[in-house]
Amino acid sequence: MKLIGVNIALCAALFSVQVEARDVEVKTTKEKAFSSVSYGGEQIKVQRIQDASHVIEDSFAKTSRPCPPFCVNPISIAENIETVAELEVIDFMETDYAVGEGAIIDTRISTWYQRGTIPGSINLPFTVFEKPADNPELVEILESLGARERDRVGAIQRGIESLGFFDGDMKTEQWDFTQAKQLLVWCNGPWCDQAPRAIHALVKMGYPPEKLKYYRGGMQMWQSLGLTTALPEENNKVASK
């Protein structure tokens, strides 16, 4: 009897989602009406704004900024770093992030983050990653991302690791990144250098490139497609629906 009740509840939930999906006119793709991501203790629906006449009116409507520093970034910013677009970001939310194996990193300074962020993101400003390797704040952040600070490593051991043994390509003298999370890193858009700077700093300290993804479009492209943003200062209240 209990199993029957569970099945009925599950069927009802699935039916509700199907009905809700049919009501979505502006979908993400032909097959996907919306997605869902856990953020700040809430389930946030990630979908496009349903008002087909909506336009961007804030600073992301600007087309030109002085270069430097606001220069157009290339598609590939570093060797073996995958550059992704919006659908890949959503897929990352539903896979690596959902199972706790990935983190979405908003590398902008706090004032930008507080104005709105991509749901699921944590704010780790790019300046943190450019701190000295022994900086306590940087050490704490890397450990929170799954990296493990190593005890003193001998020359022979590092020599063996450098040949590719014992996951040597995932380790440095200071850090073991074997269990480090997959990171999806982003900032304000193709003209923003904060995410690239954070990625270059991570690679320099030994974070494996295959564990890094770069969302080049950033907040400008995310908003230009009408996708949901969240306001951290209001308990992750959805900013666009």
Protein backbone atom coordinates (compact mmCIF):
# COMPACT_ATOMS: atom_id res chain seq x y z
CA MET A 1 0.00 0.00 0.00
CA LYS A 2 2.85 2.39 0.85
CA LEU A 3 4.54 1.62 -2.49
CA ILE A 4 1.33 2.37 -4.35
CA GLY A 5 1.11 5.72 -2.55
CA VAL A 6 4.68 6.58 -3.54
CA ASN A 7 4.02 5.67 -7.17
CA ILE A 8 0.88 7.79 -7.22
CA ALA A 9 2.78 10.77 -5.77
CA LEU A 10 5.59 10.31 -8.31
CA CYS A 11 3.15 10.10 -11.21
CA ALA A 12 1.36 13.20 -9.96
CA ALA A 13 4.66 15.10 -9.74
CA LEU A 14 5.66 14.03 -13.25
CA PHE A 15 2.23 14.99 -14.61
CA SER A 16 2.51 18.41 -12.92
CA VAL A 17 5.93 18.98 -14.53
CA GLN A 18 4.60 17.93 -17.94
CA VAL A 19 1.64 20.30 -17.65
CA GLU A 20 3.90 23.12 -16.49
CA ALA A 21 6.29 22.46 -19.37
CA ARG A 22 3.45 22.69 -21.88
CA ASP A 23 2.63 26.16 -20.52
CA VAL A 24 6.15 27.42 -21.27
CA GLU A 25 6.15 29.31 -24.56
CA VAL A 26 9.79 30.49 -24.58
CA LYS A 27 11.74 27.27 -24.04
CA THR A 28 15.47 26.75 -23.64
CA THR A 29 15.57 24.22 -26.48
CA LYS A 30 12.81 22.48 -28.45
CA GLU A 31 12.95 19.63 -25.96
CA LYS A 32 13.71 21.49 -22.71
CA ALA A 33 11.25 23.96 -21.20
CA PHE A 34 13.25 24.66 -18.05
CA SER A 35 15.80 23.21 -15.66
CA SER A 36 16.12 23.19 -11.89
CA VAL A 37 19.10 23.89 -9.65
CA SER A 38 19.52 23.75 -5.87
CA TYR A 39 20.83 27.04 -4.55
CA GLY A 40 20.76 28.59 -1.09
CA GLY A 41 18.52 25.86 0.25
CA GLU A 42 15.94 26.39 -2.50
CA GLN A 43 15.12 24.77 -5.83
CA ILE A 44 15.35 27.49 -8.46
CA LYS A 45 13.80 27.02 -11.86
CA VAL A 46 16.20 28.06 -14.61
CA GLN A 47 14.31 29.17 -17.69
CA ARG A 48 14.05 32.03 -20.12
CA ILE A 49 11.96 35.14 -19.51
CA GLN A 50 8.51 34.50 -20.98
CA ASP A 51 7.93 38.10 -22.09
CA ALA A 52 8.94 38.04 -25.76
CA SER A 53 9.23 41.85 -25.77
CA HIS A 54 11.74 41.95 -22.90
CA VAL A 55 15.02 43.79 -23.53
CA ILE A 56 18.18 44.31 -21.48
CA GLU A 57 18.25 47.82 -20.03
CA ASP A 58 21.09 47.77 -17.51
CA SER A 59 24.87 47.91 -18.00
CA PHE A 60 24.85 44.68 -20.01
CA ALA A 61 23.10 46.52 -22.84
CA LYS A 62 26.34 48.44 -23.51
CA THR A 63 28.26 47.48 -26.62
CA SER A 64 31.58 49.24 -25.97
CA ARG A 65 34.02 49.59 -23.12
CA PRO A 66 37.61 50.88 -23.10
CA CYS A 67 40.18 48.24 -24.06
CA PRO A 68 42.31 47.65 -22.11
CA PRO A 69 41.08 46.35 -19.77
CA PHE A 70 37.78 45.42 -21.43
CA CYS A 71 39.14 43.59 -24.47
CA VAL A 72 37.42 40.78 -26.38
CA ASN A 73 38.59 37.38 -25.16
CA PRO A 74 39.44 34.55 -27.56
CA ILE A 75 37.38 31.36 -27.53
CA SER A 76 40.34 29.35 -26.24
CA ILE A 77 42.05 31.06 -23.32
CA ALA A 78 44.43 28.26 -22.30
CA GLU A 79 45.49 24.81 -23.46
CA ASN A 80 43.08 22.01 -22.56
CA ILE A 81 40.53 24.43 -21.05
CA GLU A 82 37.06 23.72 -22.43
CA THR A 83 35.06 26.81 -23.38
CA VAL A 84 31.31 26.32 -22.94
CA ALA A 85 28.06 28.09 -23.78
CA GLU A 86 24.70 28.32 -22.06
CA LEU A 87 23.41 24.79 -22.73
CA GLU A 88 26.64 23.33 -21.40
CA VAL A 89 26.29 25.50 -18.27
CA ILE A 90 22.78 24.13 -17.72
CA ASP A 91 24.03 20.57 -18.33
CA PHE A 92 26.79 21.18 -15.75
CA MET A 93 24.12 22.29 -13.26
CA GLU A 94 22.20 19.07 -13.83
CA THR A 95 25.22 16.76 -13.65
CA ASP A 96 28.53 17.65 -11.93
CA TYR A 97 27.00 20.36 -9.74
CA ALA A 98 23.91 18.34 -8.86
CA VAL A 99 25.92 15.38 -7.53
CA GLY A 100 28.42 17.55 -5.65
CA GLU A 101 31.33 16.93 -8.00
CA GLY A 102 31.37 20.41 -9.53
CA ALA A 103 31.24 24.06 -8.52
CA ILE A 104 30.07 27.11 -10.48
CA ILE A 105 32.45 29.98 -9.74
CA ASP A 106 31.40 33.61 -10.12
CA THR A 107 34.81 35.34 -10.23
CA ARG A 108 33.47 38.90 -10.17
CA ILE A 109 33.96 41.25 -7.25
CA SER A 110 31.27 41.12 -4.57
CA THR A 111 29.40 44.25 -5.70
CA TRP A 112 28.66 42.65 -9.09
CA TYR A 113 27.72 39.33 -7.46
CA GLN A 114 25.21 41.02 -5.16
CA ARG A 115 23.44 42.55 -8.15
CA GLY A 116 22.61 39.11 -9.48
CA THR A 117 24.33 35.85 -10.31
CA ILE A 118 23.80 32.60 -12.20
CA PRO A 119 21.90 30.23 -9.88
CA GLY A 120 24.19 27.76 -8.16
CA SER A 121 27.23 30.04 -8.29
CA ILE A 122 29.54 30.79 -5.39
CA ASN A 123 31.38 34.09 -5.36
CA LEU A 124 35.15 33.64 -5.37
CA PRO A 125 36.59 36.89 -6.78
CA PHE A 126 39.47 36.47 -9.24
CA THR A 127 41.76 38.43 -6.89
CA VAL A 128 41.68 35.54 -4.40
CA PHE A 129 43.30 33.18 -6.90
CA GLU A 130 46.10 35.65 -7.57
CA LYS A 131 47.22 35.68 -3.94
CA PRO A 132 50.52 34.00 -2.86
CA ALA A 133 50.37 30.21 -2.71
CA ASP A 134 50.60 30.17 1.09
CA ASN A 135 47.86 32.77 1.62
CA PRO A 136 45.44 31.38 4.27
CA GLU A 137 42.33 32.51 2.38
CA LEU A 138 43.51 30.86 -0.84
CA VAL A 139 44.46 27.67 1.00
CA GLU A 140 41.01 27.51 2.62
CA ILE A 141 39.26 28.02 -0.72
CA LEU A 142 41.28 25.34 -2.51
CA GLU A 143 40.55 22.88 0.29
CA SER A 144 36.83 23.72 0.06
CA LEU A 145 37.04 22.82 -3.65
CA GLY A 146 38.43 19.37 -2.83
CA ALA A 147 42.17 19.99 -3.14
CA ARG A 148 44.39 18.56 -0.41
CA GLU A 149 47.50 20.30 0.85
CA ARG A 150 50.39 17.83 0.87
CA ASP A 151 53.03 17.13 3.44
CA ARG A 152 56.63 17.51 2.39
CA VAL A 153 57.21 15.60 -0.85
CA GLY A 154 60.64 14.14 -1.57
CA ALA A 155 62.52 14.64 -4.85
CA ILE A 156 62.34 10.94 -5.73
CA GLN A 157 58.58 10.81 -5.21
CA ARG A 158 58.02 13.92 -7.33
CA GLY A 159 60.31 12.49 -9.99
CA ILE A 160 58.17 9.37 -10.20
CA GLU A 161 54.97 11.43 -10.23
CA SER A 162 56.32 13.62 -13.01
CA LEU A 163 56.48 10.51 -15.20
CA GLY A 164 52.72 10.13 -14.83
CA PHE A 165 52.61 7.56 -12.05
CA PHE A 166 50.30 7.82 -8.99
CA ASP A 167 48.16 10.52 -10.67
CA GLY A 168 51.22 12.73 -10.85
CA ASP A 169 49.56 15.04 -13.37
CA MET A 170 47.02 15.90 -10.67
CA LYS A 171 49.63 16.85 -8.08
CA THR A 172 52.21 19.51 -7.29
CA GLU A 173 54.67 19.68 -4.43
CA GLN A 174 52.08 21.64 -2.43
CA TRP A 175 48.74 20.32 -3.68
CA ASP A 176 46.97 17.07 -4.51
CA PHE A 177 44.12 17.87 -6.92
CA THR A 178 43.07 14.26 -7.47
CA GLN A 179 39.74 14.76 -5.68
CA ALA A 180 39.32 18.41 -6.63
CA LYS A 181 35.99 19.43 -8.09
CA GLN A 182 35.22 20.25 -11.68
CA LEU A 183 34.98 24.03 -11.90
CA LEU A 184 32.86 26.10 -14.27
CA VAL A 185 34.32 29.61 -14.15
CA TRP A 186 32.67 32.78 -15.46
CA CYS A 187 32.44 36.57 -15.12
CA ASN A 188 30.63 39.41 -16.92
CA GLY A 189 31.08 38.41 -20.54
CA PRO A 190 33.41 38.04 -23.54
CA TRP A 191 35.01 41.41 -22.68
CA CYS A 192 35.63 40.56 -19.01
CA ASP A 193 39.11 39.41 -17.97
CA GLN A 194 38.25 38.28 -14.44
CA ALA A 195 37.40 34.64 -15.24
CA PRO A 196 40.43 34.25 -17.56
CA ARG A 197 42.69 35.67 -14.86
CA ALA A 198 41.26 33.27 -12.28
CA ILE A 199 41.70 30.33 -14.65
CA HIS A 200 45.29 31.25 -15.52
CA ALA A 201 46.07 31.56 -11.79
CA LEU A 202 44.48 28.17 -11.07
CA VAL A 203 46.46 26.49 -13.85
CA LYS A 204 49.66 28.14 -12.64
CA MET A 205 49.18 26.68 -9.16
CA GLY A 206 48.59 23.24 -10.66
CA TYR A 207 44.81 22.88 -10.90
CA PRO A 208 44.29 20.31 -13.69
CA PRO A 209 43.07 22.01 -16.90
CA GLU A 210 40.72 19.09 -17.60
CA LYS A 211 38.88 20.01 -14.38
CA LEU A 212 38.25 23.58 -15.58
CA LYS A 213 35.56 24.96 -17.88
CA TYR A 214 35.28 28.57 -19.07
CA TYR A 215 31.87 30.12 -19.69
CA ARG A 216 32.94 32.92 -22.01
CA GLY A 217 29.47 34.42 -22.48
CA GLY A 218 29.15 35.21 -18.79
CA MET A 219 26.39 37.37 -17.37
CA GLN A 220 25.99 39.42 -20.54
CA MET A 221 25.06 36.43 -22.72
CA TRP A 222 23.14 34.74 -19.89
CA GLN A 223 20.91 37.81 -19.58
CA SER A 224 20.70 38.37 -23.33
CA LEU A 225 19.00 34.96 -23.59
CA GLY A 226 16.63 35.84 -20.77
CA LEU A 227 17.87 33.10 -18.44
CA THR A 228 17.13 33.13 -14.73
CA THR A 229 19.41 35.01 -12.34
CA ALA A 230 19.37 35.04 -8.53
CA LEU A 231 19.93 37.79 -5.99
CA PRO A 232 22.15 36.52 -3.13
CA GLU A 233 21.36 39.43 -0.82
CA GLU A 234 17.66 38.50 -0.91
CA ASN A 235 18.12 34.87 0.07
CA ASN A 236 18.61 33.86 -3.55
CA LYS A 237 15.30 35.31 -4.66
CA VAL A 238 14.79 34.71 -8.36
CA ALA A 239 15.49 37.89 -10.28
CA SER A 240 14.10 36.93 -13.69
CA LYS A 241 11.17 34.64 -14.40
